[in-house]
All heavy atoms as atom14 arrays in JSON, in Angstrom:
{
  "sequence": "GRQADHRILEALAAGPIETYDYSAGDTFTFDYVADTGDGWDSTYT",
  "atom14_mask": [
    [1, 1, 1, 1, 0, 0, 0, 0, 0, 0, 0, 0, 0, 0],
    [1, 1, 1, 1, 1, 1, 1, 1, 1, 1, 1, 0, 0, 0],
    [1, 1, 1, 1, 1, 1, 1, 1, 1, 0, 0, 0, 0, 0],
    [1, 1, 1, 1, 1, 0, 0, 0, 0, 0, 0, 0, 0, 0],
    [1, 1, 1, 1, 1, 1, 1, 1, 0, 0, 0, 0, 0, 0],
    [1, 1, 1, 1, 1, 1, 1, 1, 1, 1, 0, 0, 0, 0],
    [1, 1, 1, 1, 1, 1, 1, 1, 1, 1, 1, 0, 0, 0],
    [1, 1, 1, 1, 1, 1, 1, 1, 0, 0, 0, 0, 0, 0],
    [1, 1, 1, 1, 1, 1, 1, 1, 0, 0, 0, 0, 0, 0],
    [1, 1, 1, 1, 1, 1, 1, 1, 1, 0, 0, 0, 0, 0],
    [1, 1, 1, 1, 1, 0, 0, 0, 0, 0, 0, 0, 0, 0],
    [1, 1, 1, 1, 1, 1, 1, 1, 0, 0, 0, 0, 0, 0],
    [1, 1, 1, 1, 1, 0, 0, 0, 0, 0, 0, 0, 0, 0],
    [1, 1, 1, 1, 1, 0, 0, 0, 0, 0, 0, 0, 0, 0],
    [1, 1, 1, 1, 0, 0, 0, 0, 0, 0, 0, 0, 0, 0],
    [1, 1, 1, 1, 1, 1, 1, 0, 0, 0, 0, 0, 0, 0],
    [1, 1, 1, 1, 1, 1, 1, 1, 0, 0, 0, 0, 0, 0],
    [1, 1, 1, 1, 1, 1, 1, 1, 1, 0, 0, 0, 0, 0],
    [1, 1, 1, 1, 1, 1, 1, 0, 0, 0, 0, 0, 0, 0],
    [1, 1, 1, 1, 1, 1, 1, 1, 1, 1, 1, 1, 0, 0],
    [1, 1, 1, 1, 1, 1, 1, 1, 0, 0, 0, 0, 0, 0],
    [1, 1, 1, 1, 1, 1, 1, 1, 1, 1, 1, 1, 0, 0],
    [1, 1, 1, 1, 1, 1, 0, 0, 0, 0, 0, 0, 0, 0],
    [1, 1, 1, 1, 1, 0, 0, 0, 0, 0, 0, 0, 0, 0],
    [1, 1, 1, 1, 0, 0, 0, 0, 0, 0, 0, 0, 0, 0],
    [1, 1, 1, 1, 1, 1, 1, 1, 0, 0, 0, 0, 0, 0],
    [1, 1, 1, 1, 1, 1, 1, 0, 0, 0, 0, 0, 0, 0],
    [1, 1, 1, 1, 1, 1, 1, 1, 1, 1, 1, 0, 0, 0],
    [1, 1, 1, 1, 1, 1, 1, 0, 0, 0, 0, 0, 0, 0],
    [1, 1, 1, 1, 1, 1, 1, 1, 1, 1, 1, 0, 0, 0],
    [1, 1, 1, 1, 1, 1, 1, 1, 0, 0, 0, 0, 0, 0],
    [1, 1, 1, 1, 1, 1, 1, 1, 1, 1, 1, 1, 0, 0],
    [1, 1, 1, 1, 1, 1, 1, 0, 0, 0, 0, 0, 0, 0],
    [1, 1, 1, 1, 1, 0, 0, 0, 0, 0, 0, 0, 0, 0],
    [1, 1, 1, 1, 1, 1, 1, 1, 0, 0, 0, 0, 0, 0],
    [1, 1, 1, 1, 1, 1, 1, 0, 0, 0, 0, 0, 0, 0],
    [1, 1, 1, 1, 0, 0, 0, 0, 0, 0, 0, 0, 0, 0],
    [1, 1, 1, 1, 1, 1, 1, 1, 0, 0, 0, 0, 0, 0],
    [1, 1, 1, 1, 0, 0, 0, 0, 0, 0, 0, 0, 0, 0],
    [1, 1, 1, 1, 1, 1, 1, 1, 1, 1, 1, 1, 1, 1],
    [1, 1, 1, 1, 1, 1, 1, 1, 0, 0, 0, 0, 0, 0],
    [1, 1, 1, 1, 1, 1, 0, 0, 0, 0, 0, 0, 0, 0],
    [1, 1, 1, 1, 1, 1, 1, 0, 0, 0, 0, 0, 0, 0],
    [1, 1, 1, 1, 1, 1, 1, 1, 1, 1, 1, 1, 0, 0],
    [1, 1, 1, 1, 1, 1, 1, 0, 0, 0, 0, 0, 0, 0]
  ],
  "atom14_positions": [
    [[84.6, -238.05, 24.4], [85.96, -238.11, 24.2], [86.56, -239.57, 24.58], [87.49, -240.1, 23.94], [0.0, 0.0, 0.0], [0.0, 0.0, 0.0], [0.0, 0.0, 0.0], [0.0, 0.0, 0.0], [0.0, 0.0, 0.0], [0.0, 0.0, 0.0], [0.0, 0.0, 0.0], [0.0, 0.0, 0.0], [0.0, 0.0, 0.0], [0.0, 0.0, 0.0]],
    [[85.89, -240.22, 25.71], [86.39, -241.42, 26.08], [85.75, -242.57, 25.21], [86.29, -243.6, 24.99], [85.92, -241.58, 27.49], [86.63, -240.8, 28.5], [86.08, -240.91, 29.89], [87.08, -240.3, 30.88], [86.76, -239.89, 32.08], [85.48, -240.36, 32.5], [87.41, -239.32, 32.94], [0.0, 0.0, 0.0], [0.0, 0.0, 0.0], [0.0, 0.0, 0.0]],
    [[84.58, -242.23, 24.46], [84.01, -243.31, 23.71], [84.41, -243.15, 22.27], [84.44, -244.2, 21.51], [82.44, -243.17, 23.83], [81.9, -243.24, 25.26], [82.37, -244.61, 25.81], [82.25, -245.55, 25.18], [82.6, -244.52, 27.19], [0.0, 0.0, 0.0], [0.0, 0.0, 0.0], [0.0, 0.0, 0.0], [0.0, 0.0, 0.0], [0.0, 0.0, 0.0]],
    [[84.75, -242.13, 21.84], [85.15, -241.79, 20.38], [86.33, -240.86, 20.3], [86.18, -239.69, 20.33], [83.95, -241.36, 19.59], [0.0, 0.0, 0.0], [0.0, 0.0, 0.0], [0.0, 0.0, 0.0], [0.0, 0.0, 0.0], [0.0, 0.0, 0.0], [0.0, 0.0, 0.0], [0.0, 0.0, 0.0], [0.0, 0.0, 0.0], [0.0, 0.0, 0.0]],
    [[87.47, -241.46, 19.91], [88.66, -240.6, 20.1], [88.97, -240.07, 18.52], [89.25, -240.85, 17.61], [89.9, -241.43, 20.48], [91.09, -240.62, 20.82], [91.29, -239.46, 20.19], [91.98, -241.1, 21.59], [0.0, 0.0, 0.0], [0.0, 0.0, 0.0], [0.0, 0.0, 0.0], [0.0, 0.0, 0.0], [0.0, 0.0, 0.0], [0.0, 0.0, 0.0]],
    [[88.76, -238.75, 18.48], [88.98, -238.03, 17.11], [90.44, -238.21, 16.56], [90.45, -238.23, 15.31], [88.74, -236.54, 17.21], [88.35, -235.95, 15.87], [89.32, -235.46, 15.07], [87.15, -235.67, 15.33], [88.72, -235.0, 13.99], [87.51, -235.23, 14.07], [0.0, 0.0, 0.0], [0.0, 0.0, 0.0], [0.0, 0.0, 0.0], [0.0, 0.0, 0.0]],
    [[91.34, -238.55, 17.42], [92.73, -238.73, 16.81], [92.85, -240.04, 15.9], [93.72, -240.07, 15.09], [93.7, -238.78, 18.1], [93.77, -237.47, 18.87], [94.58, -237.62, 20.06], [94.07, -238.6, 21.01], [94.51, -238.88, 22.16], [95.73, -238.27, 22.62], [93.97, -239.77, 23.01], [0.0, 0.0, 0.0], [0.0, 0.0, 0.0], [0.0, 0.0, 0.0]],
    [[92.1, -241.02, 16.24], [92.11, -242.21, 15.42], [91.62, -241.95, 14.05], [92.22, -242.34, 13.11], [91.27, -243.32, 16.22], [91.92, -243.64, 17.54], [91.31, -244.52, 15.34], [91.09, -244.64, 18.34], [0.0, 0.0, 0.0], [0.0, 0.0, 0.0], [0.0, 0.0, 0.0], [0.0, 0.0, 0.0], [0.0, 0.0, 0.0], [0.0, 0.0, 0.0]],
    [[90.56, -241.11, 14.01], [89.99, -240.83, 12.62], [91.07, -239.95, 11.89], [91.24, -240.1, 10.6], [88.67, -240.02, 12.72], [87.5, -240.71, 13.53], [86.31, -239.64, 13.54], [87.16, -242.06, 12.7], [0.0, 0.0, 0.0], [0.0, 0.0, 0.0], [0.0, 0.0, 0.0], [0.0, 0.0, 0.0], [0.0, 0.0, 0.0], [0.0, 0.0, 0.0]],
    [[91.82, -239.05, 12.52], [92.77, -238.31, 11.9], [93.93, -239.15, 11.33], [94.4, -238.88, 10.19], [93.52, -237.29, 12.96], [92.72, -236.08, 13.33], [93.35, -235.29, 14.38], [94.42, -235.6, 14.79], [92.87, -234.3, 14.77], [0.0, 0.0, 0.0], [0.0, 0.0, 0.0], [0.0, 0.0, 0.0], [0.0, 0.0, 0.0], [0.0, 0.0, 0.0]],
    [[94.32, -240.15, 12.17], [95.44, -241.03, 11.7], [94.99, -241.8, 10.49], [95.78, -242.03, 9.61], [95.75, -241.98, 12.82], [0.0, 0.0, 0.0], [0.0, 0.0, 0.0], [0.0, 0.0, 0.0], [0.0, 0.0, 0.0], [0.0, 0.0, 0.0], [0.0, 0.0, 0.0], [0.0, 0.0, 0.0], [0.0, 0.0, 0.0], [0.0, 0.0, 0.0]],
    [[93.71, -242.14, 10.33], [93.23, -242.83, 9.21], [93.2, -241.92, 7.9], [93.46, -242.53, 6.83], [91.8, -243.43, 9.48], [91.82, -244.54, 10.49], [90.27, -244.98, 10.89], [92.45, -245.86, 10.14], [0.0, 0.0, 0.0], [0.0, 0.0, 0.0], [0.0, 0.0, 0.0], [0.0, 0.0, 0.0], [0.0, 0.0, 0.0], [0.0, 0.0, 0.0]],
    [[92.9, -240.76, 8.14], [92.74, -239.8, 7.04], [94.01, -239.23, 6.57], [94.25, -238.76, 5.46], [91.73, -238.78, 7.4], [0.0, 0.0, 0.0], [0.0, 0.0, 0.0], [0.0, 0.0, 0.0], [0.0, 0.0, 0.0], [0.0, 0.0, 0.0], [0.0, 0.0, 0.0], [0.0, 0.0, 0.0], [0.0, 0.0, 0.0], [0.0, 0.0, 0.0]],
    [[95.03, -239.08, 7.62], [96.27, -238.41, 7.27], [97.24, -239.24, 6.27], [98.03, -238.5, 5.68], [97.09, -238.27, 8.56], [0.0, 0.0, 0.0], [0.0, 0.0, 0.0], [0.0, 0.0, 0.0], [0.0, 0.0, 0.0], [0.0, 0.0, 0.0], [0.0, 0.0, 0.0], [0.0, 0.0, 0.0], [0.0, 0.0, 0.0], [0.0, 0.0, 0.0]],
    [[97.06, -240.57, 6.19], [97.95, -241.29, 5.19], [99.23, -241.57, 5.88], [99.33, -241.79, 7.14], [0.0, 0.0, 0.0], [0.0, 0.0, 0.0], [0.0, 0.0, 0.0], [0.0, 0.0, 0.0], [0.0, 0.0, 0.0], [0.0, 0.0, 0.0], [0.0, 0.0, 0.0], [0.0, 0.0, 0.0], [0.0, 0.0, 0.0], [0.0, 0.0, 0.0]],
    [[100.35, -241.75, 5.07], [101.7, -242.17, 5.61], [102.14, -241.19, 6.64], [101.86, -240.05, 6.73], [102.52, -242.17, 4.33], [101.54, -242.22, 3.24], [100.37, -241.44, 3.66], [0.0, 0.0, 0.0], [0.0, 0.0, 0.0], [0.0, 0.0, 0.0], [0.0, 0.0, 0.0], [0.0, 0.0, 0.0], [0.0, 0.0, 0.0], [0.0, 0.0, 0.0]],
    [[102.96, -241.79, 7.64], [103.58, -240.9, 8.58], [104.62, -239.96, 7.97], [105.45, -240.42, 7.13], [104.17, -241.79, 9.61], [103.07, -242.39, 10.54], [105.05, -241.04, 10.61], [103.53, -243.52, 11.45], [0.0, 0.0, 0.0], [0.0, 0.0, 0.0], [0.0, 0.0, 0.0], [0.0, 0.0, 0.0], [0.0, 0.0, 0.0], [0.0, 0.0, 0.0]],
    [[104.71, -238.75, 8.36], [105.43, -237.79, 7.79], [106.09, -236.87, 8.87], [105.28, -236.64, 9.82], [104.8, -237.13, 6.66], [103.74, -236.12, 7.14], [103.12, -235.24, 6.03], [103.86, -234.87, 5.12], [101.91, -235.02, 6.04], [0.0, 0.0, 0.0], [0.0, 0.0, 0.0], [0.0, 0.0, 0.0], [0.0, 0.0, 0.0], [0.0, 0.0, 0.0]],
    [[107.3, -236.46, 8.63], [107.85, -235.41, 9.47], [107.99, -234.11, 8.58], [108.03, -234.06, 7.35], [109.22, -235.72, 10.01], [110.22, -236.12, 9.05], [109.03, -236.9, 10.79], [0.0, 0.0, 0.0], [0.0, 0.0, 0.0], [0.0, 0.0, 0.0], [0.0, 0.0, 0.0], [0.0, 0.0, 0.0], [0.0, 0.0, 0.0], [0.0, 0.0, 0.0]],
    [[108.08, -232.98, 9.19], [108.21, -231.7, 8.42], [109.67, -231.22, 8.56], [110.12, -230.87, 9.7], [107.14, -230.71, 9.0], [105.83, -231.3, 8.99], [105.27, -231.9, 10.19], [105.04, -231.15, 7.87], [103.92, -232.41, 10.02], [103.67, -231.74, 7.85], [103.21, -232.27, 8.92], [101.92, -232.78, 8.99], [0.0, 0.0, 0.0], [0.0, 0.0, 0.0]],
    [[110.39, -231.08, 7.37], [111.73, -230.8, 7.32], [111.98, -229.36, 7.4], [111.73, -228.65, 6.25], [112.38, -231.65, 6.2], [113.84, -231.71, 6.26], [114.47, -230.92, 7.15], [114.53, -232.35, 5.62], [0.0, 0.0, 0.0], [0.0, 0.0, 0.0], [0.0, 0.0, 0.0], [0.0, 0.0, 0.0], [0.0, 0.0, 0.0], [0.0, 0.0, 0.0]],
    [[112.69, -228.76, 8.33], [113.14, -227.43, 8.28], [114.64, -227.36, 8.68], [115.15, -226.43, 9.13], [112.4, -226.62, 9.43], [110.99, -226.46, 9.12], [109.96, -227.33, 9.55], [110.46, -225.34, 8.44], [108.68, -227.11, 9.35], [109.11, -225.12, 8.21], [108.25, -226.12, 8.68], [106.94, -225.83, 8.41], [0.0, 0.0, 0.0], [0.0, 0.0, 0.0]],
    [[115.32, -228.42, 8.21], [116.83, -228.61, 8.63], [117.78, -227.95, 7.54], [118.89, -228.01, 7.7], [117.15, -230.03, 8.69], [116.84, -230.8, 7.52], [0.0, 0.0, 0.0], [0.0, 0.0, 0.0], [0.0, 0.0, 0.0], [0.0, 0.0, 0.0], [0.0, 0.0, 0.0], [0.0, 0.0, 0.0], [0.0, 0.0, 0.0], [0.0, 0.0, 0.0]],
    [[117.19, -227.43, 6.45], [118.16, -227.05, 5.36], [118.99, -225.77, 5.88], [120.06, -225.59, 5.41], [117.36, -226.73, 4.04], [0.0, 0.0, 0.0], [0.0, 0.0, 0.0], [0.0, 0.0, 0.0], [0.0, 0.0, 0.0], [0.0, 0.0, 0.0], [0.0, 0.0, 0.0], [0.0, 0.0, 0.0], [0.0, 0.0, 0.0], [0.0, 0.0, 0.0]],
    [[118.39, -224.89, 6.66], [119.06, -223.55, 6.91], [120.23, -223.78, 7.92], [120.27, -224.71, 8.62], [0.0, 0.0, 0.0], [0.0, 0.0, 0.0], [0.0, 0.0, 0.0], [0.0, 0.0, 0.0], [0.0, 0.0, 0.0], [0.0, 0.0, 0.0], [0.0, 0.0, 0.0], [0.0, 0.0, 0.0], [0.0, 0.0, 0.0], [0.0, 0.0, 0.0]],
    [[120.95, -222.76, 8.04], [122.03, -222.75, 9.11], [121.58, -222.29, 10.41], [122.02, -222.52, 11.47], [123.14, -221.86, 8.62], [124.39, -222.01, 9.42], [124.76, -223.26, 9.7], [125.01, -221.1, 9.74], [0.0, 0.0, 0.0], [0.0, 0.0, 0.0], [0.0, 0.0, 0.0], [0.0, 0.0, 0.0], [0.0, 0.0, 0.0], [0.0, 0.0, 0.0]],
    [[120.48, -221.43, 10.25], [119.83, -220.91, 11.61], [118.27, -221.11, 11.5], [117.87, -221.29, 10.39], [120.09, -219.55, 11.87], [119.61, -218.7, 10.92], [121.67, -219.35, 11.97], [0.0, 0.0, 0.0], [0.0, 0.0, 0.0], [0.0, 0.0, 0.0], [0.0, 0.0, 0.0], [0.0, 0.0, 0.0], [0.0, 0.0, 0.0], [0.0, 0.0, 0.0]],
    [[117.55, -221.06, 12.56], [116.21, -221.31, 12.62], [115.51, -220.58, 13.74], [116.2, -220.66, 14.91], [115.86, -222.72, 12.55], [114.35, -223.05, 12.37], [113.76, -222.92, 11.15], [113.5, -223.36, 13.48], [112.38, -223.25, 11.0], [112.21, -223.64, 13.37], [111.7, -223.58, 12.06], [0.0, 0.0, 0.0], [0.0, 0.0, 0.0], [0.0, 0.0, 0.0]],
    [[114.44, -219.87, 13.61], [113.7, -219.15, 14.8], [112.16, -219.68, 14.66], [111.63, -219.71, 13.61], [113.84, -217.72, 14.48], [115.2, -217.33, 14.4], [113.11, -216.95, 15.7], [0.0, 0.0, 0.0], [0.0, 0.0, 0.0], [0.0, 0.0, 0.0], [0.0, 0.0, 0.0], [0.0, 0.0, 0.0], [0.0, 0.0, 0.0], [0.0, 0.0, 0.0]],
    [[111.82, -219.96, 15.91], [110.34, -220.3, 16.06], [109.87, -219.65, 17.33], [110.66, -219.49, 18.23], [109.99, -221.69, 15.79], [110.46, -222.56, 17.03], [109.5, -222.88, 18.01], [111.66, -223.1, 17.12], [109.85, -223.77, 19.02], [112.01, -224.01, 18.08], [111.07, -224.39, 19.13], [0.0, 0.0, 0.0], [0.0, 0.0, 0.0], [0.0, 0.0, 0.0]],
    [[108.51, -219.44, 17.37], [107.88, -218.77, 18.51], [106.97, -219.92, 19.04], [106.34, -220.59, 18.44], [107.0, -217.58, 18.02], [107.88, -216.42, 17.46], [109.06, -216.27, 18.13], [107.54, -215.8, 16.59], [0.0, 0.0, 0.0], [0.0, 0.0, 0.0], [0.0, 0.0, 0.0], [0.0, 0.0, 0.0], [0.0, 0.0, 0.0], [0.0, 0.0, 0.0]],
    [[106.82, -219.82, 20.47], [106.12, -220.62, 21.12], [105.06, -219.85, 21.99], [105.47, -218.81, 22.85], [106.85, -221.48, 22.02], [105.96, -222.47, 23.04], [105.49, -223.63, 22.6], [105.51, -221.98, 24.36], [104.6, -224.45, 23.42], [104.8, -222.75, 25.12], [104.38, -224.02, 24.71], [103.54, -224.73, 25.55], [0.0, 0.0, 0.0], [0.0, 0.0, 0.0]],
    [[103.66, -220.04, 21.89], [102.77, -219.36, 22.67], [101.62, -220.22, 22.96], [101.15, -221.14, 22.25], [102.17, -218.1, 21.84], [101.43, -218.49, 20.73], [101.35, -217.22, 22.74], [0.0, 0.0, 0.0], [0.0, 0.0, 0.0], [0.0, 0.0, 0.0], [0.0, 0.0, 0.0], [0.0, 0.0, 0.0], [0.0, 0.0, 0.0], [0.0, 0.0, 0.0]],
    [[101.18, -220.19, 24.24], [100.03, -221.11, 24.64], [99.05, -220.46, 25.51], [99.3, -219.33, 26.12], [100.69, -222.25, 25.5], [0.0, 0.0, 0.0], [0.0, 0.0, 0.0], [0.0, 0.0, 0.0], [0.0, 0.0, 0.0], [0.0, 0.0, 0.0], [0.0, 0.0, 0.0], [0.0, 0.0, 0.0], [0.0, 0.0, 0.0], [0.0, 0.0, 0.0]],
    [[97.71, -221.04, 25.53], [96.7, -220.52, 26.46], [96.42, -219.05, 25.91], [96.29, -218.1, 26.56], [97.04, -220.52, 27.76], [97.4, -221.83, 28.45], [96.43, -222.6, 28.76], [98.51, -222.22, 28.45], [0.0, 0.0, 0.0], [0.0, 0.0, 0.0], [0.0, 0.0, 0.0], [0.0, 0.0, 0.0], [0.0, 0.0, 0.0], [0.0, 0.0, 0.0]],
    [[96.02, -219.06, 24.57], [95.47, -217.88, 23.94], [94.04, -217.77, 23.94], [93.34, -218.41, 24.48], [96.14, -217.88, 22.45], [95.68, -218.98, 21.88], [97.68, -217.8, 22.49], [0.0, 0.0, 0.0], [0.0, 0.0, 0.0], [0.0, 0.0, 0.0], [0.0, 0.0, 0.0], [0.0, 0.0, 0.0], [0.0, 0.0, 0.0], [0.0, 0.0, 0.0]],
    [[93.61, -216.83, 23.04], [92.16, -216.71, 22.65], [91.13, -216.43, 23.87], [90.12, -217.27, 23.88], [0.0, 0.0, 0.0], [0.0, 0.0, 0.0], [0.0, 0.0, 0.0], [0.0, 0.0, 0.0], [0.0, 0.0, 0.0], [0.0, 0.0, 0.0], [0.0, 0.0, 0.0], [0.0, 0.0, 0.0], [0.0, 0.0, 0.0], [0.0, 0.0, 0.0]],
    [[91.39, -215.47, 24.61], [90.49, -215.11, 25.65], [90.1, -213.71, 25.39], [89.42, -213.36, 24.34], [91.09, -215.17, 26.99], [90.12, -215.29, 28.14], [88.99, -214.73, 27.91], [90.5, -215.65, 29.22], [0.0, 0.0, 0.0], [0.0, 0.0, 0.0], [0.0, 0.0, 0.0], [0.0, 0.0, 0.0], [0.0, 0.0, 0.0], [0.0, 0.0, 0.0]],
    [[90.53, -212.69, 26.15], [90.17, -211.28, 25.94], [90.83, -210.69, 24.76], [92.07, -211.09, 24.5], [0.0, 0.0, 0.0], [0.0, 0.0, 0.0], [0.0, 0.0, 0.0], [0.0, 0.0, 0.0], [0.0, 0.0, 0.0], [0.0, 0.0, 0.0], [0.0, 0.0, 0.0], [0.0, 0.0, 0.0], [0.0, 0.0, 0.0], [0.0, 0.0, 0.0]],
    [[90.28, -209.75, 24.0], [90.85, -209.14, 22.9], [92.2, -208.57, 23.27], [93.16, -208.8, 22.5], [89.91, -208.19, 22.25], [90.58, -207.42, 21.07], [91.3, -206.26, 21.25], [90.7, -207.69, 19.75], [91.81, -205.88, 20.03], [91.5, -206.77, 19.09], [90.18, -208.77, 19.01], [91.73, -206.79, 17.66], [90.47, -208.8, 17.65], [91.17, -207.95, 16.99]],
    [[92.13, -207.66, 24.16], [93.44, -206.84, 24.53], [94.56, -207.63, 24.78], [95.79, -207.41, 24.27], [93.06, -205.83, 25.77], [92.22, -204.78, 25.33], [92.08, -204.45, 24.15], [91.5, -204.24, 26.18], [0.0, 0.0, 0.0], [0.0, 0.0, 0.0], [0.0, 0.0, 0.0], [0.0, 0.0, 0.0], [0.0, 0.0, 0.0], [0.0, 0.0, 0.0]],
    [[94.41, -208.75, 25.58], [95.64, -209.56, 25.98], [95.99, -210.42, 24.73], [97.18, -210.55, 24.6], [95.22, -210.5, 27.16], [94.1, -211.23, 26.82], [0.0, 0.0, 0.0], [0.0, 0.0, 0.0], [0.0, 0.0, 0.0], [0.0, 0.0, 0.0], [0.0, 0.0, 0.0], [0.0, 0.0, 0.0], [0.0, 0.0, 0.0], [0.0, 0.0, 0.0]],
    [[95.08, -211.1, 24.1], [95.44, -211.92, 22.96], [96.07, -211.06, 21.74], [97.06, -211.49, 21.18], [94.11, -212.58, 22.35], [93.62, -213.4, 23.37], [94.53, -213.38, 21.16], [0.0, 0.0, 0.0], [0.0, 0.0, 0.0], [0.0, 0.0, 0.0], [0.0, 0.0, 0.0], [0.0, 0.0, 0.0], [0.0, 0.0, 0.0], [0.0, 0.0, 0.0]],
    [[95.45, -209.9, 21.54], [96.08, -209.02, 20.35], [97.38, -208.42, 20.68], [98.18, -208.18, 19.96], [95.02, -207.96, 19.98], [95.57, -207.25, 18.78], [95.63, -207.83, 17.52], [96.02, -205.96, 18.84], [95.98, -207.1, 16.43], [96.52, -205.13, 17.85], [96.48, -205.82, 16.52], [97.0, -205.25, 15.41], [0.0, 0.0, 0.0], [0.0, 0.0, 0.0]],
    [[97.56, -208.15, 22.01], [99.01, -207.61, 22.41], [99.99, -208.69, 22.03], [101.03, -208.23, 21.38], [99.07, -207.43, 23.89], [98.05, -206.3, 24.21], [100.38, -207.01, 24.33], [0.0, 0.0, 0.0], [0.0, 0.0, 0.0], [0.0, 0.0, 0.0], [0.0, 0.0, 0.0], [0.0, 0.0, 0.0], [0.0, 0.0, 0.0], [0.0, 0.0, 0.0]]
  ]
}
């Protein structure tokens, strides 16, 4: 990771810088979850 940063390759392949526009609606809902993918029961719950 210190010798070859994969993010630089992503930037070269991704093309022009873009943002993702979700501003058209009057309301908006999104979910945030972190540190997933361990035991089945906890992740599936």
